[in-house]
N, C-alpha and C. Protein backbone atom coordinates (compact mmCIF):
# COMPACT_ATOMS: atom_id res chain seq x y z
N MET A 1 -6.06 15.93 1.77
CA MET A 1 -5.44 14.91 2.55
C MET A 1 -5.14 13.44 2.24
N ASP A 2 -6.47 13.17 2.10
CA ASP A 2 -6.42 11.71 1.39
C ASP A 2 -5.26 11.48 0.19
N GLU A 3 -5.65 12.22 -0.65
CA GLU A 3 -4.66 12.25 -1.91
C GLU A 3 -3.46 12.64 -1.88
N PHE A 4 -2.89 13.51 -0.86
CA PHE A 4 -1.45 13.72 -0.81
C PHE A 4 -0.97 12.51 -0.12
N ALA A 5 -1.67 12.08 0.90
CA ALA A 5 -1.10 10.88 1.71
C ALA A 5 -0.79 9.55 0.74
N HIS A 6 -2.07 9.41 -0.17
CA HIS A 6 -1.66 8.52 -0.98
C HIS A 6 -0.47 8.72 -1.95
N ARG A 7 -0.22 9.43 -2.51
CA ARG A 7 0.85 9.90 -3.59
C ARG A 7 2.31 9.88 -2.52
N VAL A 8 2.27 9.99 -1.31
CA VAL A 8 3.56 9.87 -0.53
C VAL A 8 3.98 8.43 -0.34
N LEU A 9 2.74 7.61 0.17
CA LEU A 9 2.86 6.34 -0.09
C LEU A 9 3.44 5.54 -1.01
N ARG A 10 2.70 5.68 -2.33
CA ARG A 10 2.91 5.24 -3.56
C ARG A 10 4.39 5.79 -3.89
N ASP A 11 4.71 6.84 -3.84
CA ASP A 11 6.13 7.38 -4.27
C ASP A 11 7.06 6.84 -3.47
N ALA A 12 6.64 6.70 -2.42
CA ALA A 12 7.87 5.70 -1.21
C ALA A 12 8.17 4.17 -1.66
N CYS A 13 6.93 3.67 -2.38
CA CYS A 13 7.03 2.34 -2.74
C CYS A 13 7.59 2.23 -4.23
N GLU A 14 7.50 3.19 -4.79
CA GLU A 14 8.07 3.14 -6.16
C GLU A 14 9.57 3.84 -6.41
N ALA A 15 9.63 4.99 -5.76
CA ALA A 15 10.89 5.65 -6.11
C ALA A 15 12.43 5.16 -5.83
N CYS A 16 12.30 4.68 -4.84
CA CYS A 16 13.93 4.02 -4.27
C CYS A 16 14.22 2.90 -4.89
N GLU A 17 14.96 2.96 -5.88
CA GLU A 17 15.35 1.66 -6.93
C GLU A 17 16.40 1.13 -6.13
N ALA A 18 17.41 1.80 -5.30
CA ALA A 18 18.53 1.11 -4.42
C ALA A 18 18.14 0.09 -3.35
N CYS A 19 16.86 0.56 -3.00
CA CYS A 19 16.53 -0.27 -1.60
C CYS A 19 15.34 -1.26 -1.99
N GLU A 20 16.61 -2.46 -1.08
CA GLU A 20 15.89 -3.88 -1.38
C GLU A 20 14.27 -4.18 -1.20
N ALA A 21 13.94 -3.26 -0.01
CA ALA A 21 12.43 -3.12 0.62
C ALA A 21 11.55 -2.63 -0.76
N CYS A 22 11.95 -1.62 -1.44
CA CYS A 22 11.27 -1.09 -2.34
C CYS A 22 11.11 -2.35 -3.50
N GLU A 23 12.43 -2.61 -3.96
CA GLU A 23 12.16 -3.75 -4.89
C GLU A 23 11.26 -4.83 -4.93
N ALA A 24 10.74 -5.04 -3.54
CA ALA A 24 10.00 -6.09 -3.34
C ALA A 24 8.30 -6.05 -3.75
N VAL A 25 8.13 -4.71 -4.05
CA VAL A 25 6.82 -4.08 -4.15
C VAL A 25 6.48 -4.60 -5.47
N SER A 26 5.69 -5.18 -5.64
CA SER A 26 5.14 -5.08 -7.12
C SER A 26 4.08 -4.25 -7.50
N SER A 27 3.13 -4.19 -6.54
CA SER A 27 1.86 -2.95 -6.78
C SER A 27 1.59 -2.31 -5.46
N VAL A 28 0.84 -1.35 -5.89
CA VAL A 28 0.36 -0.70 -4.89
C VAL A 28 -1.29 -0.26 -4.91
N SER A 29 -2.23 -0.69 -3.89
CA SER A 29 -3.76 -0.39 -4.19
C SER A 29 -4.02 0.30 -2.97
N SER A 30 -4.89 1.39 -3.00
CA SER A 30 -5.43 2.33 -2.20
C SER A 30 -6.74 2.60 -2.68
N GLU A 31 -7.75 3.08 -1.56
CA GLU A 31 -8.87 3.35 -1.45
C GLU A 31 -8.98 4.75 -2.63
N GLU A 32 -8.16 5.55 -2.71
CA GLU A 32 -7.69 6.42 -3.30
C GLU A 32 -7.62 6.63 -4.83
N SER A 33 -7.03 5.18 -5.35
CA SER A 33 -6.82 4.82 -6.71
C SER A 33 -7.88 3.84 -7.20
N GLU A 34 -8.49 4.17 -8.40
CA GLU A 34 -9.42 3.28 -9.09
C GLU A 34 -8.95 1.78 -9.00
N GLU A 35 -7.74 1.71 -9.53
CA GLU A 35 -7.18 0.44 -10.14
C GLU A 35 -5.74 0.23 -9.64
N PRO A 36 -5.03 -0.82 -9.16
CA PRO A 36 -4.06 -1.06 -8.77
C PRO A 36 -2.84 -0.73 -9.68
N GLU A 37 -2.07 0.14 -9.00
CA GLU A 37 -0.50 0.54 -9.79
C GLU A 37 0.59 -0.78 -9.80
N GLU A 38 0.92 -0.68 -10.75
CA GLU A 38 1.68 -1.89 -10.70
C GLU A 38 3.18 -1.38 -11.36
N PHE A 39 3.91 -2.12 -10.63
CA PHE A 39 5.78 -1.54 -11.21
C PHE A 39 6.28 -2.96 -11.81
N ALA A 40 7.09 -2.67 -12.81
CA ALA A 40 7.59 -3.74 -13.62
C ALA A 40 8.91 -3.99 -12.85
N ARG A 41 9.07 -5.13 -11.90
CA ARG A 41 9.86 -5.55 -11.17
C ARG A 41 10.39 -7.26 -11.11
N ALA A 42 11.17 -7.72 -11.60
CA ALA A 42 11.18 -9.02 -11.78
C ALA A 42 11.26 -9.97 -10.36
N SER A 43 12.00 -9.19 -9.42
CA SER A 43 11.90 -9.64 -8.00
C SER A 43 10.95 -9.38 -7.07
N ALA A 44 9.98 -8.69 -7.75
CA ALA A 44 8.62 -8.40 -6.67
C ALA A 44 8.04 -9.47 -6.09
N VAL A 45 7.68 -9.39 -4.53
CA VAL A 45 6.81 -10.45 -4.16
C VAL A 45 5.74 -10.02 -3.25
N TYR A 46 5.49 -8.62 -3.49
CA TYR A 46 4.57 -7.90 -2.44
C TYR A 46 3.66 -7.11 -2.98
N ASP A 47 2.55 -7.46 -3.19
CA ASP A 47 1.45 -6.26 -3.54
C ASP A 47 0.62 -5.75 -2.38
N THR A 48 0.68 -4.30 -2.28
CA THR A 48 0.51 -3.78 -1.17
C THR A 48 -1.13 -3.06 -1.12
N TYR A 49 -1.69 -3.02 -0.07
CA TYR A 49 -3.13 -2.16 -0.06
C TYR A 49 -2.46 -1.33 1.26
N PHE A 50 -3.28 -0.01 0.83
CA PHE A 50 -3.58 0.59 2.15
C PHE A 50 -4.53 1.62 2.03
N ASP A 51 -4.87 2.08 3.22
CA ASP A 51 -5.87 3.13 3.49
C ASP A 51 -4.94 4.44 4.00
N PRO A 52 -4.55 5.29 2.93
CA PRO A 52 -3.20 6.21 3.40
C PRO A 52 -3.58 7.32 4.44
N ALA A 53 -4.90 7.69 4.91
CA ALA A 53 -5.37 8.53 5.85
C ALA A 53 -6.83 8.18 6.60
N ASP A 54 -6.50 6.93 7.13
CA ASP A 54 -8.04 6.58 7.79
C ASP A 54 -8.47 7.44 8.54
N GLY A 55 -9.84 7.89 8.77
CA GLY A 55 -10.25 8.86 9.69
C GLY A 55 -9.71 10.13 9.36
N SER A 56 -9.60 10.68 8.23
CA SER A 56 -9.38 11.85 7.66
C SER A 56 -10.70 12.88 7.92
N SER A 57 -11.81 12.03 7.87
CA SER A 57 -13.17 12.88 7.47
C SER A 57 -13.26 13.45 8.90
N ASN A 58 -12.39 12.85 10.24
CA ASN A 58 -12.72 13.21 11.69
C ASN A 58 -11.73 14.32 11.96
N LEU A 59 -10.96 14.96 11.13
CA LEU A 59 -9.84 16.25 11.15
C LEU A 59 -10.35 17.21 11.93
N ASP A 60 -11.60 17.71 11.49
CA ASP A 60 -12.22 19.09 12.27
C ASP A 60 -12.74 18.82 13.52
N VAL A 61 -12.53 17.79 13.94
CA VAL A 61 -13.07 17.22 15.70
C VAL A 61 -11.83 16.77 16.42
N CYS A 62 -10.19 17.15 15.82
CA CYS A 62 -9.27 16.90 16.23
C CYS A 62 -8.96 15.12 17.01
N ALA A 63 -9.82 14.24 15.94
CA ALA A 63 -9.49 12.84 16.18
C ALA A 63 -8.52 12.02 15.63
N PRO A 64 -8.06 10.81 15.98
CA PRO A 64 -6.98 10.63 15.39
C PRO A 64 -7.09 10.02 14.05
N VAL A 65 -5.85 10.08 13.23
CA VAL A 65 -5.72 9.86 11.90
C VAL A 65 -4.65 8.65 11.71
N GLY A 66 -4.68 7.72 10.75
CA GLY A 66 -3.44 7.07 10.78
C GLY A 66 -3.58 6.28 9.54
N THR A 67 -2.47 5.23 8.82
CA THR A 67 -2.53 4.79 8.04
C THR A 67 -2.25 3.30 8.10
N ILE A 68 -3.57 2.33 7.53
CA ILE A 68 -3.53 1.14 7.67
C ILE A 68 -2.86 0.50 6.46
N PHE A 69 -2.28 -0.85 6.45
CA PHE A 69 -1.89 -1.34 5.41
C PHE A 69 -1.56 -2.81 5.54
N ALA A 70 -1.59 -3.39 4.37
CA ALA A 70 -1.15 -4.81 4.28
C ALA A 70 -0.72 -5.36 3.12
N ALA A 71 0.28 -6.24 3.15
CA ALA A 71 1.08 -6.77 1.97
C ALA A 71 0.64 -8.39 1.80
N TYR A 72 0.39 -8.46 0.54
CA TYR A 72 0.30 -10.19 0.15
C TYR A 72 1.37 -10.61 -1.09
N ASP A 73 1.49 -11.84 -0.89
CA ASP A 73 2.11 -12.55 -1.58
C ASP A 73 1.78 -12.17 -3.20
N SER A 74 2.51 -11.30 -4.04
CA SER A 74 1.71 -11.53 -5.22
C SER A 74 2.00 -12.44 -5.97
N ARG A 75 2.70 -13.43 -5.59
CA ARG A 75 2.97 -14.93 -6.52
C ARG A 75 1.64 -15.81 -6.54
N SER A 76 0.83 -15.58 -5.49
CA SER A 76 -0.55 -16.32 -5.00
C SER A 76 -1.64 -15.08 -5.31
N ARG A 77 -2.12 -15.02 -6.48
CA ARG A 77 -3.07 -13.92 -6.70
C ARG A 77 -4.67 -14.39 -6.72
N ARG A 78 -4.67 -15.88 -6.78
CA ARG A 78 -5.82 -16.51 -6.60
C ARG A 78 -6.43 -16.75 -5.31
N GLY A 79 -7.66 -16.50 -4.80
CA GLY A 79 -8.25 -16.56 -3.63
C GLY A 79 -7.46 -15.72 -2.39
N ARG A 80 -7.16 -14.46 -2.69
CA ARG A 80 -6.78 -13.62 -1.44
C ARG A 80 -7.45 -13.70 -0.34
N THR A 81 -6.89 -14.65 0.46
CA THR A 81 -7.35 -14.72 2.05
C THR A 81 -6.51 -14.51 3.09
N GLY A 82 -6.44 -14.84 4.18
CA GLY A 82 -5.36 -14.26 5.15
C GLY A 82 -4.34 -15.29 5.25
N ARG A 83 -4.31 -16.39 4.72
CA ARG A 83 -3.10 -17.08 4.14
C ARG A 83 -2.09 -16.54 3.38
N HIS A 84 -2.29 -15.89 2.52
CA HIS A 84 -1.57 -15.30 1.78
C HIS A 84 -0.80 -13.78 2.26
N GLN A 85 -1.68 -13.29 3.01
CA GLN A 85 -1.15 -12.22 3.74
C GLN A 85 0.21 -12.26 4.40
N MET A 86 1.02 -11.17 4.16
CA MET A 86 2.60 -11.50 4.47
C MET A 86 2.68 -10.26 5.87
N LEU A 87 1.94 -9.23 5.94
CA LEU A 87 1.96 -8.51 7.03
C LEU A 87 0.96 -7.53 6.83
N ALA A 88 0.67 -6.69 7.97
CA ALA A 88 -0.22 -5.88 8.08
C ALA A 88 0.07 -5.06 9.26
N GLY A 89 -0.44 -3.78 9.30
CA GLY A 89 -0.12 -2.51 10.38
C GLY A 89 -0.88 -1.71 10.16
N THR A 90 -0.85 -0.60 11.24
CA THR A 90 -1.43 0.63 11.55
C THR A 90 -0.48 1.74 11.83
């Protein structure tokens, strides 16, 4: 389930070339991938980070599962602090 959720989120950030929001994503990083996956987009301004299926180890007891994500300004790669975080959610 973790790998499937990762692929769905990654594909959503890459596939839609007509969407302005997708065009703004420069890379995706996930706990399911060892290295960040970068997209070659000149206008991209967001590096995204996510846990695609947080809590998936609790599925056998019907506990909640969700996605945690954050986006940082890709133009400020030095010293990733909360100041560079553009958005986050669950």
